[in-house]
Amino acid sequence: MKKHKINYRLQAFGTNRKRKIVARREISYEIRLATQLLLDELCFNWNKSRLEAQINNSIDASDREAFLSLSEQYQSYVKE
């Protein structure tokens, strides 16, 4: 697969403004995809555990309205 290139241009401030530094970094598509999938999974698991904790707190507090609202949101995490 093709590598995606990211170019950076750094400019010096001060009296010598004509000098520019160019840095290039190549990130392969596979690494970017794997990183995005990992971040998505981490966010999904964190949101799910946070919602579970809120549901448990609403059960402990006997708050029926909060429980129903949170359990409706939780349905999207358990559907396959």
PDB file of N, CA and C in Angstrom:
ATOM      1  N   MET A   1       0.827  -1.172   0.000  1.00  0.00           N
ATOM      2  CA  MET A   1       0.000   0.000   0.000  1.00  0.00           C
ATOM      3  C   MET A   1       0.882   1.249   0.000  1.00  0.00           C
ATOM      4  N   LYS A   2       0.297   2.337  -0.438  1.00  0.00           N
ATOM      5  CA  LYS A   2       1.023   3.592  -0.491  1.00  0.00           C
ATOM      6  C   LYS A   2       1.242   4.153   0.913  1.00  0.00           C
ATOM      7  N   LYS A   3       2.332   4.845   1.068  1.00  0.00           N
ATOM      8  CA  LYS A   3       2.594   5.519   2.322  1.00  0.00           C
ATOM      9  C   LYS A   3       2.079   6.948   2.226  1.00  0.00           C
ATOM     10  N   HIS A   4       1.449   7.383   3.265  1.00  0.00           N
ATOM     11  CA  HIS A   4       0.962   8.757   3.318  1.00  0.00           C
ATOM     12  C   HIS A   4       2.059   9.611   3.932  1.00  0.00           C
ATOM     13  N   LYS A   5       2.324  10.731   3.344  1.00  0.00           N
ATOM     14  CA  LYS A   5       3.391  11.597   3.808  1.00  0.00           C
ATOM     15  C   LYS A   5       2.822  12.811   4.512  1.00  0.00           C
ATOM     16  N   ILE A   6       3.492  13.179   5.573  1.00  0.00           N
ATOM     17  CA  ILE A   6       3.144  14.387   6.297  1.00  0.00           C
ATOM     18  C   ILE A   6       4.364  15.293   6.252  1.00  0.00           C
ATOM     19  N   ASN A   7       4.184  16.497   5.784  1.00  0.00           N
ATOM     20  CA  ASN A   7       5.287  17.448   5.678  1.00  0.00           C
ATOM     21  C   ASN A   7       5.117  18.546   6.712  1.00  0.00           C
ATOM     22  N   TYR A   8       6.214  18.906   7.332  1.00  0.00           N
ATOM     23  CA  TYR A   8       6.234  19.994   8.290  1.00  0.00           C
ATOM     24  C   TYR A   8       7.176  21.075   7.776  1.00  0.00           C
ATOM     25  N   ARG A   9       6.793  22.319   7.922  1.00  0.00           N
ATOM     26  CA  ARG A   9       7.671  23.429   7.565  1.00  0.00           C
ATOM     27  C   ARG A   9       7.851  24.292   8.806  1.00  0.00           C
ATOM     28  N   LEU A  10       9.076  24.375   9.239  1.00  0.00           N
ATOM     29  CA  LEU A  10       9.397  25.185  10.400  1.00  0.00           C
ATOM     30  C   LEU A  10      10.090  26.454   9.922  1.00  0.00           C
ATOM     31  N   GLN A  11       9.630  27.574  10.387  1.00  0.00           N
ATOM     32  CA  GLN A  11      10.222  28.845   9.999  1.00  0.00           C
ATOM     33  C   GLN A  11      10.907  29.465  11.205  1.00  0.00           C
ATOM     34  N   ALA A  12      12.092  29.983  10.980  1.00  0.00           N
ATOM     35  CA  ALA A  12      12.838  30.644  12.051  1.00  0.00           C
ATOM     36  C   ALA A  12      12.295  32.049  12.247  1.00  0.00           C
ATOM     37  N   PHE A  13      12.150  32.452  13.470  1.00  0.00           N
ATOM     38  CA  PHE A  13      11.711  33.804  13.794  1.00  0.00           C
ATOM     39  C   PHE A  13      12.929  34.649  14.126  1.00  0.00           C
ATOM     40  N   GLY A  14      12.837  35.881  13.870  1.00  0.00           N
ATOM     41  CA  GLY A  14      13.945  36.778  14.185  1.00  0.00           C
ATOM     42  C   GLY A  14      14.459  37.446  12.926  1.00  0.00           C
ATOM     43  N   THR A  15      15.751  37.726  12.910  1.00  0.00           N
ATOM     44  CA  THR A  15      16.336  38.471  11.804  1.00  0.00           C
ATOM     45  C   THR A  15      16.541  37.616  10.569  1.00  0.00           C
ATOM     46  N   ASN A  16      16.781  36.335  10.725  1.00  0.00           N
ATOM     47  CA  ASN A  16      17.075  35.443   9.590  1.00  0.00           C
ATOM     48  C   ASN A  16      15.803  34.690   9.204  1.00  0.00           C
ATOM     49  N   ARG A  17      14.898  35.324   8.470  1.00  0.00           N
ATOM     50  CA  ARG A  17      13.624  34.705   8.104  1.00  0.00           C
ATOM     51  C   ARG A  17      13.687  33.901   6.820  1.00  0.00           C
ATOM     52  N   LYS A  18      14.769  33.966   6.081  1.00  0.00           N
ATOM     53  CA  LYS A  18      14.852  33.250   4.811  1.00  0.00           C
ATOM     54  C   LYS A  18      15.143  31.764   5.006  1.00  0.00           C
ATOM     55  N   ARG A  19      15.651  31.391   6.154  1.00  0.00           N
ATOM     56  CA  ARG A  19      16.023  30.010   6.410  1.00  0.00           C
ATOM     57  C   ARG A  19      14.793  29.208   6.855  1.00  0.00           C
ATOM     58  N   LYS A  20      14.489  28.123   6.168  1.00  0.00           N
ATOM     59  CA  LYS A  20      13.375  27.251   6.514  1.00  0.00           C
ATOM     60  C   LYS A  20      13.901  25.842   6.727  1.00  0.00           C
ATOM     61  N   ILE A  21      13.311  25.152   7.670  1.00  0.00           N
ATOM     62  CA  ILE A  21      13.655  23.765   7.930  1.00  0.00           C
ATOM     63  C   ILE A  21      12.468  22.920   7.494  1.00  0.00           C
ATOM     64  N   VAL A  22      12.713  21.921   6.684  1.00  0.00           N
ATOM     65  CA  VAL A  22      11.651  21.047   6.203  1.00  0.00           C
ATOM     66  C   VAL A  22      11.891  19.658   6.765  1.00  0.00           C
ATOM     67  N   ALA A  23      10.898  19.119   7.432  1.00  0.00           N
ATOM     68  CA  ALA A  23      10.996  17.770   7.984  1.00  0.00           C
ATOM     69  C   ALA A  23       9.891  16.928   7.371  1.00  0.00           C
ATOM     70  N   ARG A  24      10.197  15.701   7.063  1.00  0.00           N
ATOM     71  CA  ARG A  24       9.194  14.801   6.487  1.00  0.00           C
ATOM     72  C   ARG A  24       9.092  13.547   7.336  1.00  0.00           C
ATOM     73  N   ARG A  25       7.878  13.085   7.485  1.00  0.00           N
ATOM     74  CA  ARG A  25       7.638  11.866   8.233  1.00  0.00           C
ATOM     75  C   ARG A  25       6.621  11.048   7.448  1.00  0.00           C
ATOM     76  N   GLU A  26       6.913   9.790   7.254  1.00  0.00           N
ATOM     77  CA  GLU A  26       6.001   8.923   6.512  1.00  0.00           C
ATOM     78  C   GLU A  26       5.328   7.961   7.489  1.00  0.00           C
ATOM     79  N   ILE A  27       4.022   7.905   7.394  1.00  0.00           N
ATOM     80  CA  ILE A  27       3.245   6.989   8.217  1.00  0.00           C
ATOM     81  C   ILE A  27       2.480   6.081   7.268  1.00  0.00           C
ATOM     82  N   SER A  28       2.656   4.798   7.448  1.00  0.00           N
ATOM     83  CA  SER A  28       1.977   3.877   6.543  1.00  0.00           C
ATOM     84  C   SER A  28       0.482   3.814   6.873  1.00  0.00           C
ATOM     85  N   TYR A  29      -0.284   3.437   5.898  1.00  0.00           N
ATOM     86  CA  TYR A  29      -1.735   3.354   6.052  1.00  0.00           C
ATOM     87  C   TYR A  29      -2.110   2.330   7.119  1.00  0.00           C
ATOM     88  N   GLU A  30      -1.382   1.218   7.171  1.00  0.00           N
ATOM     89  CA  GLU A  30      -1.685   0.158   8.128  1.00  0.00           C
ATOM     90  C   GLU A  30      -1.520   0.645   9.562  1.00  0.00           C
ATOM     91  N   ILE A  31      -0.481   1.422   9.803  1.00  0.00           N
ATOM     92  CA  ILE A  31      -0.252   1.934  11.158  1.00  0.00           C
ATOM     93  C   ILE A  31      -1.334   2.933  11.534  1.00  0.00           C
ATOM     94  N   ARG A  32      -1.706   3.795  10.610  1.00  0.00           N
ATOM     95  CA  ARG A  32      -2.766   4.766  10.896  1.00  0.00           C
ATOM     96  C   ARG A  32      -4.090   4.064  11.162  1.00  0.00           C
ATOM     97  N   LEU A  33      -4.390   3.024  10.381  1.00  0.00           N
ATOM     98  CA  LEU A  33      -5.635   2.291  10.566  1.00  0.00           C
ATOM     99  C   LEU A  33      -5.634   1.561  11.908  1.00  0.00           C
ATOM    100  N   ALA A  34      -4.546   0.883  12.233  1.00  0.00           N
ATOM    101  CA  ALA A  34      -4.456   0.168  13.500  1.00  0.00           C
ATOM    102  C   ALA A  34      -4.571   1.122  14.682  1.00  0.00           C
ATOM    103  N   THR A  35      -3.965   2.280  14.576  1.00  0.00           N
ATOM    104  CA  THR A  35      -4.040   3.277  15.638  1.00  0.00           C
ATOM    105  C   THR A  35      -5.464   3.775  15.810  1.00  0.00           C
ATOM    106  N   GLN A  36      -6.136   4.048  14.708  1.00  0.00           N
ATOM    107  CA  GLN A  36      -7.523   4.536  14.785  1.00  0.00           C
ATOM    108  C   GLN A  36      -8.436   3.474  15.380  1.00  0.00           C
ATOM    109  N   LEU A  37      -8.252   2.210  14.998  1.00  0.00           N
ATOM    110  CA  LEU A  37      -9.070   1.136  15.553  1.00  0.00           C
ATOM    111  C   LEU A  37      -8.829   0.969  17.050  1.00  0.00           C
ATOM    112  N   LEU A  38      -7.581   1.083  17.471  1.00  0.00           N
ATOM    113  CA  LEU A  38      -7.259   0.973  18.885  1.00  0.00           C
ATOM    114  C   LEU A  38      -7.897   2.109  19.680  1.00  0.00           C
ATOM    115  N   LEU A  39      -7.801   3.326  19.178  1.00  0.00           N
ATOM    116  CA  LEU A  39      -8.414   4.463  19.860  1.00  0.00           C
ATOM    117  C   LEU A  39      -9.937   4.332  19.923  1.00  0.00           C
ATOM    118  N   ASP A  40     -10.540   3.850  18.852  1.00  0.00           N
ATOM    119  CA  ASP A  40     -11.987   3.640  18.846  1.00  0.00           C
ATOM    120  C   ASP A  40     -12.400   2.617  19.897  1.00  0.00           C
ATOM    121  N   GLU A  41     -11.642   1.534  19.996  1.00  0.00           N
ATOM    122  CA  GLU A  41     -11.974   0.493  20.969  1.00  0.00           C
ATOM    123  C   GLU A  41     -11.791   1.002  22.396  1.00  0.00           C
ATOM    124  N   LEU A  42     -10.732   1.760  22.641  1.00  0.00           N
ATOM    125  CA  LEU A  42     -10.512   2.312  23.974  1.00  0.00           C
ATOM    126  C   LEU A  42     -11.632   3.268  24.374  1.00  0.00           C
ATOM    127  N   CYS A  43     -12.046   4.119  23.461  1.00  0.00           N
ATOM    128  CA  CYS A  43     -13.148   5.050  23.740  1.00  0.00           C
ATOM    129  C   CYS A  43     -14.456   4.301  23.974  1.00  0.00           C
ATOM    130  N   PHE A  44     -14.714   3.288  23.166  1.00  0.00           N
ATOM    131  CA  PHE A  44     -15.932   2.492  23.316  1.00  0.00           C
ATOM    132  C   PHE A  44     -15.974   1.839  24.690  1.00  0.00           C
ATOM    133  N   ASN A  45     -14.876   1.191  25.093  1.00  0.00           N
ATOM    134  CA  ASN A  45     -14.842   0.501  26.387  1.00  0.00           C
ATOM    135  C   ASN A  45     -14.957   1.479  27.547  1.00  0.00           C
ATOM    136  N   TRP A  46     -14.308   2.652  27.427  1.00  0.00           N
ATOM    137  CA  TRP A  46     -14.386   3.634  28.505  1.00  0.00           C
ATOM    138  C   TRP A  46     -15.811   4.172  28.631  1.00  0.00           C
ATOM    139  N   ASN A  47     -16.442   4.499  27.511  1.00  0.00           N
ATOM    140  CA  ASN A  47     -17.816   5.011  27.555  1.00  0.00           C
ATOM    141  C   ASN A  47     -18.785   3.960  28.101  1.00  0.00           C
ATOM    142  N   LYS A  48     -18.575   2.716  27.720  1.00  0.00           N
ATOM    143  CA  LYS A  48     -19.448   1.639  28.186  1.00  0.00           C
ATOM    144  C   LYS A  48     -19.306   1.443  29.696  1.00  0.00           C
ATOM    145  N   SER A  49     -18.079   1.426  30.195  1.00  0.00           N
ATOM    146  CA  SER A  49     -17.883   1.228  31.638  1.00  0.00           C
ATOM    147  C   SER A  49     -18.400   2.420  32.435  1.00  0.00           C
ATOM    148  N   ARG A  50     -18.259   3.633  31.885  1.00  0.00           N
ATOM    149  CA  ARG A  50     -18.784   4.821  32.547  1.00  0.00           C
ATOM    150  C   ARG A  50     -20.303   4.776  32.627  1.00  0.00           C
ATOM    151  N   LEU A  51     -20.929   4.336  31.547  1.00  0.00           N
ATOM    152  CA  LEU A  51     -22.384   4.227  31.527  1.00  0.00           C
ATOM    153  C   LEU A  51     -22.860   3.142  32.487  1.00  0.00           C
ATOM    154  N   GLU A  52     -22.138   2.025  32.566  1.00  0.00           N
ATOM    155  CA  GLU A  52     -22.486   0.971  33.522  1.00  0.00           C
ATOM    156  C   GLU A  52     -22.415   1.486  34.960  1.00  0.00           C
ATOM    157  N   ALA A  53     -21.392   2.282  35.261  1.00  0.00           N
ATOM    158  CA  ALA A  53     -21.258   2.844  36.607  1.00  0.00           C
ATOM    159  C   ALA A  53     -22.416   3.791  36.910  1.00  0.00           C
ATOM    160  N   GLN A  54     -22.825   4.594  35.925  1.00  0.00           N
ATOM    161  CA  GLN A  54     -23.959   5.495  36.134  1.00  0.00           C
ATOM    162  C   GLN A  54     -25.249   4.715  36.344  1.00  0.00           C
ATOM    163  N   ILE A  55     -25.408   3.621  35.617  1.00  0.00           N
ATOM    164  CA  ILE A  55     -26.606   2.779  35.796  1.00  0.00           C
ATOM    165  C   ILE A  55     -26.608   2.179  37.195  1.00  0.00           C
ATOM    166  N   ASN A  56     -25.462   1.674  37.636  1.00  0.00           N
ATOM    167  CA  ASN A  56     -25.381   1.101  38.984  1.00  0.00           C
ATOM    168  C   ASN A  56     -25.663   2.150  40.049  1.00  0.00           C
ATOM    169  N   ASN A  57     -25.182   3.371  39.852  1.00  0.00           N
ATOM    170  CA  ASN A  57     -25.464   4.445  40.813  1.00  0.00           C
ATOM    171  C   ASN A  57     -26.945   4.798  40.835  1.00  0.00           C
ATOM    172  N   SER A  58     -27.595   4.779  39.679  1.00  0.00           N
ATOM    173  CA  SER A  58     -29.030   5.081  39.658  1.00  0.00           C
ATOM    174  C   SER A  58     -29.837   3.965  40.319  1.00  0.00           C
ATOM    175  N   ILE A  59     -29.369   2.730  40.203  1.00  0.00           N
ATOM    176  CA  ILE A  59     -30.051   1.624  40.897  1.00  0.00           C
ATOM    177  C   ILE A  59     -29.888   1.781  42.407  1.00  0.00           C
ATOM    178  N   ASP A  60     -28.657   2.121  42.832  1.00  0.00           N
ATOM    179  CA  ASP A  60     -28.411   2.306  44.266  1.00  0.00           C
ATOM    180  C   ASP A  60     -29.218   3.471  44.828  1.00  0.00           C
ATOM    181  N   ALA A  61     -29.422   4.504  44.045  1.00  0.00           N
ATOM    182  CA  ALA A  61     -30.174   5.676  44.492  1.00  0.00           C
ATOM    183  C   ALA A  61     -31.675   5.519  44.284  1.00  0.00           C
ATOM    184  N   SER A  62     -32.113   4.414  43.712  1.00  0.00           N
ATOM    185  CA  SER A  62     -33.530   4.142  43.418  1.00  0.00           C
ATOM    186  C   SER A  62     -34.136   5.233  42.540  1.00  0.00           C
ATOM    187  N   ASP A  63     -33.364   5.692  41.562  1.00  0.00           N
ATOM    188  CA  ASP A  63     -33.817   6.720  40.632  1.00  0.00           C
ATOM    189  C   ASP A  63     -34.275   6.031  39.342  1.00  0.00           C
ATOM    190  N   ARG A  64     -35.572   5.797  39.252  1.00  0.00           N
ATOM    191  CA  ARG A  64     -36.129   5.034  38.131  1.00  0.00           C
ATOM    192  C   ARG A  64     -35.984   5.772  36.800  1.00  0.00           C
ATOM    193  N   GLU A  65     -36.236   7.077  36.798  1.00  0.00           N
ATOM    194  CA  GLU A  65     -36.154   7.848  35.553  1.00  0.00           C
ATOM    195  C   GLU A  65     -34.740   7.845  34.987  1.00  0.00           C
ATOM    196  N   ALA A  66     -33.748   8.040  35.840  1.00  0.00           N
ATOM    197  CA  ALA A  66     -32.351   8.020  35.383  1.00  0.00           C
ATOM    198  C   ALA A  66     -31.978   6.627  34.882  1.00  0.00           C
ATOM    199  N   PHE A  67     -32.456   5.605  35.587  1.00  0.00           N
ATOM    200  CA  PHE A  67     -32.163   4.235  35.168  1.00  0.00           C
ATOM    201  C   PHE A  67     -32.732   3.948  33.782  1.00  0.00           C
ATOM    202  N   LEU A  68     -33.967   4.341  33.541  1.00  0.00           N
ATOM    203  CA  LEU A  68     -34.581   4.084  32.245  1.00  0.00           C
ATOM    204  C   LEU A  68     -33.871   4.851  31.134  1.00  0.00           C
ATOM    205  N   SER A  69     -33.503   6.085  31.408  1.00  0.00           N
ATOM    206  CA  SER A  69     -32.791   6.884  30.414  1.00  0.00           C
ATOM    207  C   SER A  69     -31.412   6.284  30.104  1.00  0.00           C
ATOM    208  N   LEU A  70     -30.675   5.919  31.140  1.00  0.00           N
ATOM    209  CA  LEU A  70     -29.333   5.356  30.950  1.00  0.00           C
ATOM    210  C   LEU A  70     -29.379   3.968  30.313  1.00  0.00           C
ATOM    211  N   SER A  71     -30.370   3.165  30.692  1.00  0.00           N
ATOM    212  CA  SER A  71     -30.450   1.828  30.097  1.00  0.00           C
ATOM    213  C   SER A  71     -30.822   1.901  28.616  1.00  0.00           C
ATOM    214  N   GLU A  72     -31.561   2.932  28.232  1.00  0.00           N
ATOM    215  CA  GLU A  72     -31.871   3.131  26.814  1.00  0.00           C
ATOM    216  C   GLU A  72     -30.598   3.486  26.036  1.00  0.00           C
ATOM    217  N   GLN A  73     -29.744   4.323  26.624  1.00  0.00           N
ATOM    218  CA  GLN A  73     -28.466   4.650  25.991  1.00  0.00           C
ATOM    219  C   GLN A  73     -27.546   3.435  25.936  1.00  0.00           C
ATOM    220  N   TYR A  74     -27.633   2.590  26.961  1.00  0.00           N
ATOM    221  CA  TYR A  74     -26.761   1.413  27.049  1.00  0.00           C
ATOM    222  C   TYR A  74     -27.097   0.362  25.984  1.00  0.00           C
ATOM    223  N   GLN A  75     -28.307   0.381  25.462  1.00  0.00           N
ATOM    224  CA  GLN A  75     -28.726  -0.605  24.461  1.00  0.00           C
ATOM    225  C   GLN A  75     -27.837  -0.584  23.225  1.00  0.00           C
ATOM    226  N   SER A  76     -27.334   0.589  22.858  1.00  0.00           N
ATOM    227  CA  SER A  76     -26.484   0.668  21.678  1.00  0.00           C
ATOM    228  C   SER A  76     -25.135  -0.010  21.897  1.00  0.00           C
ATOM    229  N   TYR A  77     -24.721  -0.205  23.140  1.00  0.00           N
ATOM    230  CA  TYR A  77     -23.450  -0.863  23.437  1.00  0.00           C
ATOM    231  C   TYR A  77     -23.556  -2.375  23.463  1.00  0.00           C
ATOM    232  N   VAL A  78     -24.741  -2.921  23.662  1.00  0.00           N
ATOM    233  CA  VAL A  78     -24.886  -4.369  23.775  1.00  0.00           C
ATOM    234  C   VAL A  78     -25.487  -5.009  22.526  1.00  0.00           C
ATOM    235  N   LYS A  79     -25.991  -4.206  21.608  1.00  0.00           N
ATOM    236  CA  LYS A  79     -26.527  -4.767  20.355  1.00  0.00           C
ATOM    237  C   LYS A  79     -25.386  -5.235  19.472  1.00  0.00           C
ATOM    238  N   GLU A  80     -25.619  -6.293  18.769  1.00  0.00           N
ATOM    239  CA  GLU A  80     -24.586  -6.820  17.865  1.00  0.00           C
ATOM    240  C   GLU A  80     -25.039  -6.746  16.433  1.00  0.00           C
TER     241      GLU A  80
END
